[in-house]
Amino acid sequence: MMPIITLPARVWPPAHDLCMHKNACLSLTDNKFIHAMTRILFAFVLFLLFSACGGNKQETPASQPDTTPAATTVADPDVQKGEALIAKNDCLTCHKIDEKLIGPTYREVARKYAGLPDTIVPYLVHKVMKGGSGTWGQIPMAAHPALSEADATALVKYVLAQK
């Protein structure tokens, strides 16, 4: 019969291996260690929050483009009517004058169709009323069937005046 060999119970790592120097020893349950780790974790979380927010950079009001519909003052009554209709409808959800949101900016649309004959207006009125996709990317423009043709024409004339 073989003798049973029992090994002495040891805690790994041995306590003397944790400390390089007698006065600099910290155990995982030491309050100083827990406090230091809490501070490091707190600083890291703050860093993540600030970096996720982008630093909250704000431009000065003088350098920001005016993105309100009232930025254009044109004497054409259709353009003025279109300006009022844009403010009243859901257009500003996807479009702004100078700021790209979901759809193109009004200035991009006006520049794209600038110099084309007035026959472009009925085409764009149709796109506003029926919706469309592919001209400005893969995101489709929602249809606006509740708009009358006269209102859609006023909207289009307002957008085309934003060059």
Protein backbone atom coordinates (compact mmCIF):
# COMPACT_ATOMS: atom_id res chain seq x y z
CA MET A 1 0.00 0.00 0.00
CA MET A 2 1.22 3.46 -0.85
CA PRO A 3 1.54 6.04 1.77
CA ILE A 4 -0.76 9.06 1.42
CA ILE A 5 1.21 12.20 0.93
CA THR A 6 -0.42 15.34 2.16
CA LEU A 7 0.79 18.70 1.07
CA PRO A 8 0.76 21.61 3.46
CA ALA A 9 -2.11 24.07 2.89
CA ARG A 10 -0.68 27.23 1.32
CA VAL A 11 -2.24 30.45 0.27
CA TRP A 12 -1.12 31.43 -3.18
CA PRO A 13 0.74 33.66 -3.63
CA PRO A 14 2.46 33.61 -0.32
CA ALA A 15 2.07 36.80 1.67
CA HIS A 16 5.76 37.56 1.53
CA ASP A 17 5.65 37.47 -2.33
CA LEU A 18 3.07 40.28 -2.51
CA CYS A 19 5.36 42.83 -0.96
CA MET A 20 8.59 43.91 -2.48
CA HIS A 21 9.22 46.30 0.36
CA LYS A 22 7.91 46.02 3.86
CA ASN A 23 6.45 49.58 3.90
CA ALA A 24 4.98 49.54 0.38
CA CYS A 25 2.76 46.51 0.72
CA LEU A 26 -0.92 46.84 -0.21
CA SER A 27 -3.39 44.06 -0.02
CA LEU A 28 -6.52 43.89 -2.16
CA THR A 29 -8.67 44.53 0.89
CA ASP A 30 -6.69 47.53 2.10
CA ASN A 31 -8.75 50.75 2.24
CA LYS A 32 -6.00 52.75 0.55
CA PHE A 33 -6.03 50.37 -2.41
CA ILE A 34 -9.83 50.47 -2.72
CA HIS A 35 -9.86 54.28 -2.49
CA ALA A 36 -7.16 54.59 -5.17
CA MET A 37 -8.96 52.21 -7.53
CA THR A 38 -12.25 54.07 -7.00
CA ARG A 39 -10.60 57.37 -7.94
CA ILE A 40 -9.02 55.86 -11.05
CA LEU A 41 -12.34 54.33 -12.12
CA PHE A 42 -14.16 57.63 -11.53
CA ALA A 43 -11.59 59.54 -13.61
CA PHE A 44 -11.89 56.99 -16.41
CA VAL A 45 -15.70 57.24 -16.46
CA LEU A 46 -15.49 61.05 -16.59
CA PHE A 47 -13.03 60.81 -19.47
CA LEU A 48 -15.41 58.53 -21.39
CA LEU A 49 -18.37 60.85 -20.81
CA PHE A 50 -16.51 63.93 -22.00
CA SER A 51 -15.05 62.21 -25.02
CA ALA A 52 -18.45 60.80 -26.00
CA CYS A 53 -19.98 64.27 -25.92
CA GLY A 54 -17.37 65.65 -28.30
CA GLY A 55 -16.06 68.29 -25.94
CA ASN A 56 -19.16 70.48 -26.37
CA LYS A 57 -17.45 72.76 -28.89
CA GLN A 58 -19.60 75.72 -29.80
CA GLU A 59 -18.97 78.18 -32.57
CA THR A 60 -19.39 81.85 -32.05
CA PRO A 61 -22.72 83.20 -33.30
CA ALA A 62 -20.96 85.33 -35.93
CA SER A 63 -19.45 82.26 -37.61
CA GLN A 64 -22.57 80.11 -37.58
CA PRO A 65 -24.68 80.09 -40.72
CA ASP A 66 -28.26 81.19 -40.32
CA THR A 67 -30.41 78.06 -40.65
CA THR A 68 -33.79 79.58 -39.96
CA PRO A 69 -36.33 79.74 -42.77
CA ALA A 70 -36.51 83.53 -42.34
CA ALA A 71 -32.96 83.91 -43.68
CA THR A 72 -34.17 84.67 -47.18
CA THR A 73 -36.06 87.83 -47.92
CA VAL A 74 -37.33 87.66 -51.47
CA ALA A 75 -40.22 89.74 -52.77
CA ASP A 76 -41.85 86.82 -54.65
CA PRO A 77 -45.13 86.00 -52.88
CA ASP A 78 -44.74 82.27 -53.66
CA VAL A 79 -41.35 82.29 -51.93
CA GLN A 80 -42.80 84.03 -48.87
CA LYS A 81 -45.70 81.57 -48.82
CA GLY A 82 -43.24 78.69 -49.14
CA GLU A 83 -41.25 80.04 -46.19
CA ALA A 84 -44.39 80.01 -44.03
CA LEU A 85 -45.36 76.52 -45.24
CA ILE A 86 -41.93 75.10 -44.43
CA ALA A 87 -42.20 76.38 -40.88
CA LYS A 88 -45.69 74.89 -40.60
CA ASN A 89 -44.96 71.45 -42.11
CA ASP A 90 -42.45 68.73 -41.23
CA CYS A 91 -39.77 69.90 -43.71
CA LEU A 92 -37.36 71.10 -41.00
CA THR A 93 -37.22 67.59 -39.58
CA CYS A 94 -35.04 66.45 -42.49
CA HIS A 95 -33.80 69.70 -44.11
CA LYS A 96 -32.22 72.99 -43.05
CA ILE A 97 -30.87 75.87 -45.11
CA ASP A 98 -27.15 75.25 -44.45
CA GLU A 99 -27.05 72.24 -42.13
CA LYS A 100 -27.17 68.68 -43.48
CA LEU A 101 -29.59 66.52 -41.53
CA ILE A 102 -31.32 63.52 -43.08
CA GLY A 103 -31.84 65.08 -46.50
CA PRO A 104 -29.85 67.66 -48.46
CA THR A 105 -29.67 71.29 -47.38
CA TYR A 106 -31.89 73.79 -49.17
CA ARG A 107 -28.76 75.47 -50.56
CA GLU A 108 -27.53 72.17 -52.04
CA VAL A 109 -30.87 71.66 -53.77
CA ALA A 110 -30.94 75.26 -55.04
CA ARG A 111 -27.37 74.99 -56.39
CA LYS A 112 -28.04 71.66 -58.08
CA TYR A 113 -31.05 72.99 -59.98
CA ALA A 114 -29.77 76.56 -60.53
CA GLY A 115 -29.68 77.61 -64.15
CA LEU A 116 -32.16 74.96 -65.25
CA PRO A 117 -35.36 76.04 -66.99
CA ASP A 118 -38.56 76.61 -65.03
CA THR A 119 -39.74 73.17 -66.10
CA ILE A 120 -37.75 71.83 -63.13
CA VAL A 121 -40.35 73.28 -60.74
CA PRO A 122 -43.16 70.83 -61.70
CA TYR A 123 -40.67 67.95 -61.49
CA LEU A 124 -39.66 68.96 -57.95
CA VAL A 125 -43.29 69.58 -56.98
CA HIS A 126 -44.03 65.99 -58.02
CA LYS A 127 -41.11 64.73 -55.90
CA VAL A 128 -42.32 66.69 -52.87
CA MET A 129 -45.87 65.37 -53.18
CA LYS A 130 -45.08 61.76 -54.18
CA GLY A 131 -41.72 61.28 -52.45
CA GLY A 132 -38.64 59.86 -54.08
CA SER A 133 -35.17 58.42 -53.63
CA GLY A 134 -31.87 58.04 -55.40
CA THR A 135 -31.17 61.67 -56.28
CA TRP A 136 -29.56 62.52 -52.92
CA GLY A 137 -28.58 59.06 -51.72
CA GLN A 138 -30.35 55.95 -50.52
CA ILE A 139 -32.59 57.56 -47.89
CA PRO A 140 -35.99 58.19 -49.51
CA MET A 141 -37.88 61.43 -49.16
CA ALA A 142 -41.28 60.94 -47.57
CA ALA A 143 -44.33 61.73 -49.66
CA HIS A 144 -46.48 64.73 -48.73
CA PRO A 145 -49.82 63.93 -50.41
CA ALA A 146 -51.75 66.31 -48.14
CA LEU A 147 -50.03 69.33 -49.73
CA SER A 148 -51.88 70.99 -52.55
CA GLU A 149 -50.02 71.52 -55.80
CA ALA A 150 -50.00 75.29 -55.19
CA ASP A 151 -48.49 74.83 -51.72
CA ALA A 152 -45.88 72.37 -53.01
CA THR A 153 -45.00 74.86 -55.77
CA ALA A 154 -44.51 77.58 -53.15
CA LEU A 155 -42.28 75.26 -51.12
CA VAL A 156 -40.16 74.41 -54.15
CA LYS A 157 -39.81 78.06 -55.15
CA TYR A 158 -38.69 78.92 -51.63
CA VAL A 159 -36.05 76.15 -51.67
CA LEU A 160 -34.81 77.17 -55.14
CA ALA A 161 -34.43 80.77 -53.91
CA GLN A 162 -31.87 79.66 -51.28
CA LYS A 163 -28.84 79.78 -53.64
